[in-house]
Amino acid sequence: MKKIEIYDPAMCCSTGVCGTDVDTKLVQFANDLSWLKDQGVGVQRFNLGQEPAAFAQNAEVRTLLTKDGNRCLPIVLVDGSVATKGIYPTRDQLAHLAEVEEESTGCCGGDDEPCVETKESDCCSDKSTGSSCC
């Protein structure tokens, strides 16, 4: 199974339900990570504000932070390699990156056509229709 590591920007918690403003993207992402764990995928999550040593110890993350600053966060690594940066991937994207079957209709919007990775990112797209899960 794949190993997914998420390096979050500094925030009070990773769930998105802190304070008065709920970040629905973070809530969904936390649910999607829980789903990945249920599929047997190893998931680790690090918060810059609470675990800065994890950021300093990872050469890939350290390089991106030096080059791009905090705007590259969150960083998602799959088996130690950068998969995405600056976005929280959707469940479909996470399933694709972790190589697990998603329960829904697939990463390219339900078509039975296989998804292919684009050069710009590890997101998938259907070249015949131009649709994308990104």
Protein backbone atom coordinates (compact mmCIF):
# COMPACT_ATOMS: atom_id res chain seq x y z
CA MET A 1 0.00 0.00 0.00
CA LYS A 2 1.00 3.58 -0.60
CA LYS A 3 2.06 5.99 2.13
CA ILE A 4 0.54 9.48 2.04
CA GLU A 5 2.03 12.38 4.02
CA ILE A 6 0.35 15.77 4.28
CA TYR A 7 2.27 18.87 5.34
CA ASP A 8 -0.34 21.47 6.32
CA PRO A 9 0.18 25.19 6.85
CA ALA A 10 0.09 26.43 10.42
CA MET A 11 -3.46 26.21 11.75
CA CYS A 12 -5.12 25.52 15.07
CA CYS A 13 -6.39 22.10 13.94
CA SER A 14 -6.60 20.00 10.80
CA THR A 15 -10.35 19.39 10.91
CA GLY A 16 -11.49 22.83 9.82
CA VAL A 17 -14.02 23.13 12.64
CA CYS A 18 -11.99 25.45 14.88
CA GLY A 19 -13.35 28.85 15.76
CA THR A 20 -16.43 30.43 14.24
CA ASP A 21 -15.51 29.98 10.57
CA VAL A 22 -15.74 26.33 9.48
CA ASP A 23 -13.59 25.53 6.46
CA THR A 24 -15.68 22.97 4.59
CA LYS A 25 -12.74 21.99 2.36
CA LEU A 26 -10.74 20.97 5.44
CA VAL A 27 -13.69 19.08 6.88
CA GLN A 28 -14.11 17.14 3.63
CA PHE A 29 -10.36 16.54 3.37
CA ALA A 30 -10.24 15.14 6.92
CA ASN A 31 -13.12 12.80 6.01
CA ASP A 32 -11.34 11.75 2.83
CA LEU A 33 -8.15 10.96 4.76
CA SER A 34 -10.17 8.88 7.20
CA TRP A 35 -11.64 7.01 4.23
CA LEU A 36 -8.10 6.41 2.86
CA LYS A 37 -7.03 4.96 6.21
CA ASP A 38 -10.05 2.64 6.09
CA GLN A 39 -8.77 1.44 2.69
CA GLY A 40 -5.47 0.44 4.31
CA VAL A 41 -3.43 3.42 3.12
CA GLY A 42 -0.83 4.76 5.55
CA VAL A 43 -1.64 8.42 6.23
CA GLN A 44 0.40 10.90 8.28
CA ARG A 45 -0.43 14.56 8.68
CA PHE A 46 1.84 17.32 9.96
CA ASN A 47 0.89 20.86 11.00
CA LEU A 48 3.58 23.52 10.56
CA GLY A 49 2.45 25.34 13.70
CA GLN A 50 2.55 22.23 15.89
CA GLU A 51 5.20 20.01 14.27
CA PRO A 52 7.81 22.24 12.59
CA ALA A 53 10.53 19.61 13.03
CA ALA A 54 8.73 17.29 10.58
CA PHE A 55 8.97 20.02 7.93
CA ALA A 56 12.65 20.65 8.64
CA GLN A 57 13.52 16.95 8.57
CA ASN A 58 11.99 16.24 5.15
CA ALA A 59 14.32 17.36 2.34
CA GLU A 60 11.54 17.59 -0.30
CA VAL A 61 9.34 19.74 1.94
CA ARG A 62 12.25 21.88 3.10
CA THR A 63 13.27 22.55 -0.53
CA LEU A 64 9.74 23.56 -1.55
CA LEU A 65 9.36 25.86 1.44
CA THR A 66 12.71 27.50 0.69
CA LYS A 67 11.83 27.94 -2.99
CA ASP A 68 8.12 28.83 -2.80
CA GLY A 69 7.49 29.87 0.80
CA ASN A 70 4.28 28.94 2.60
CA ARG A 71 2.17 29.27 -0.55
CA CYS A 72 3.24 25.72 -1.52
CA LEU A 73 1.36 24.36 1.50
CA PRO A 74 -0.31 21.97 1.82
CA ILE A 75 2.19 19.54 0.34
CA VAL A 76 1.09 15.97 -0.27
CA LEU A 77 3.77 13.31 -0.61
CA VAL A 78 3.10 9.82 -1.91
CA ASP A 79 5.80 7.34 -0.94
CA GLY A 80 8.15 10.26 -0.28
CA SER A 81 7.63 12.06 -3.60
CA VAL A 82 5.72 15.31 -4.05
CA ALA A 83 2.29 14.55 -5.53
CA THR A 84 0.55 17.91 -5.06
CA LYS A 85 1.32 21.27 -3.54
CA GLY A 86 -0.81 24.27 -2.71
CA ILE A 87 -4.11 22.36 -2.84
CA TYR A 88 -6.09 19.85 -0.82
CA PRO A 89 -6.78 16.98 -3.23
CA THR A 90 -10.31 15.63 -3.57
CA ARG A 91 -11.22 12.08 -2.57
CA ASP A 92 -11.04 11.05 -6.22
CA GLN A 93 -7.56 12.54 -6.54
CA LEU A 94 -6.43 10.90 -3.30
CA ALA A 95 -7.80 7.53 -4.45
CA HIS A 96 -5.91 7.94 -7.72
CA LEU A 97 -2.68 8.89 -5.95
CA ALA A 98 -3.01 6.02 -3.46
CA GLU A 99 -4.01 3.58 -6.21
CA VAL A 100 -7.21 2.49 -4.47
CA GLU A 101 -10.67 2.13 -5.96
CA GLU A 102 -12.99 4.98 -5.14
CA GLU A 103 -16.54 3.99 -4.30
CA SER A 104 -18.02 6.69 -6.52
CA THR A 105 -17.98 6.94 -10.28
CA GLY A 106 -14.26 7.33 -10.84
CA CYS A 107 -11.84 10.19 -11.02
CA CYS A 108 -12.79 11.50 -14.45
CA GLY A 109 -16.40 12.27 -13.70
CA GLY A 110 -17.87 8.81 -14.04
CA ASP A 111 -16.67 7.83 -17.48
CA ASP A 112 -15.38 4.31 -17.85
CA GLU A 113 -12.42 5.73 -19.72
CA PRO A 114 -9.11 5.38 -17.88
CA CYS A 115 -7.65 8.49 -16.31
CA VAL A 116 -4.21 9.67 -17.29
CA GLU A 117 -1.89 11.88 -15.30
CA THR A 118 -1.20 15.30 -16.73
CA LYS A 119 2.28 16.77 -16.96
CA GLU A 120 1.29 19.73 -14.77
CA SER A 121 0.21 17.63 -11.80
CA ASP A 122 -0.71 14.19 -10.61
CA CYS A 123 -4.36 14.89 -11.26
CA CYS A 124 -6.10 12.89 -13.90
CA SER A 125 -7.88 13.98 -17.02
CA ASP A 126 -9.82 12.46 -19.87
CA LYS A 127 -8.03 13.64 -23.00
CA SER A 128 -10.93 12.71 -25.27
CA THR A 129 -13.41 15.04 -23.55
CA GLY A 130 -11.04 17.48 -21.91
CA SER A 131 -12.62 16.83 -18.51
CA SER A 132 -10.50 16.66 -15.41
CA CYS A 133 -10.83 15.82 -11.75
CA CYS A 134 -8.56 18.75 -10.89
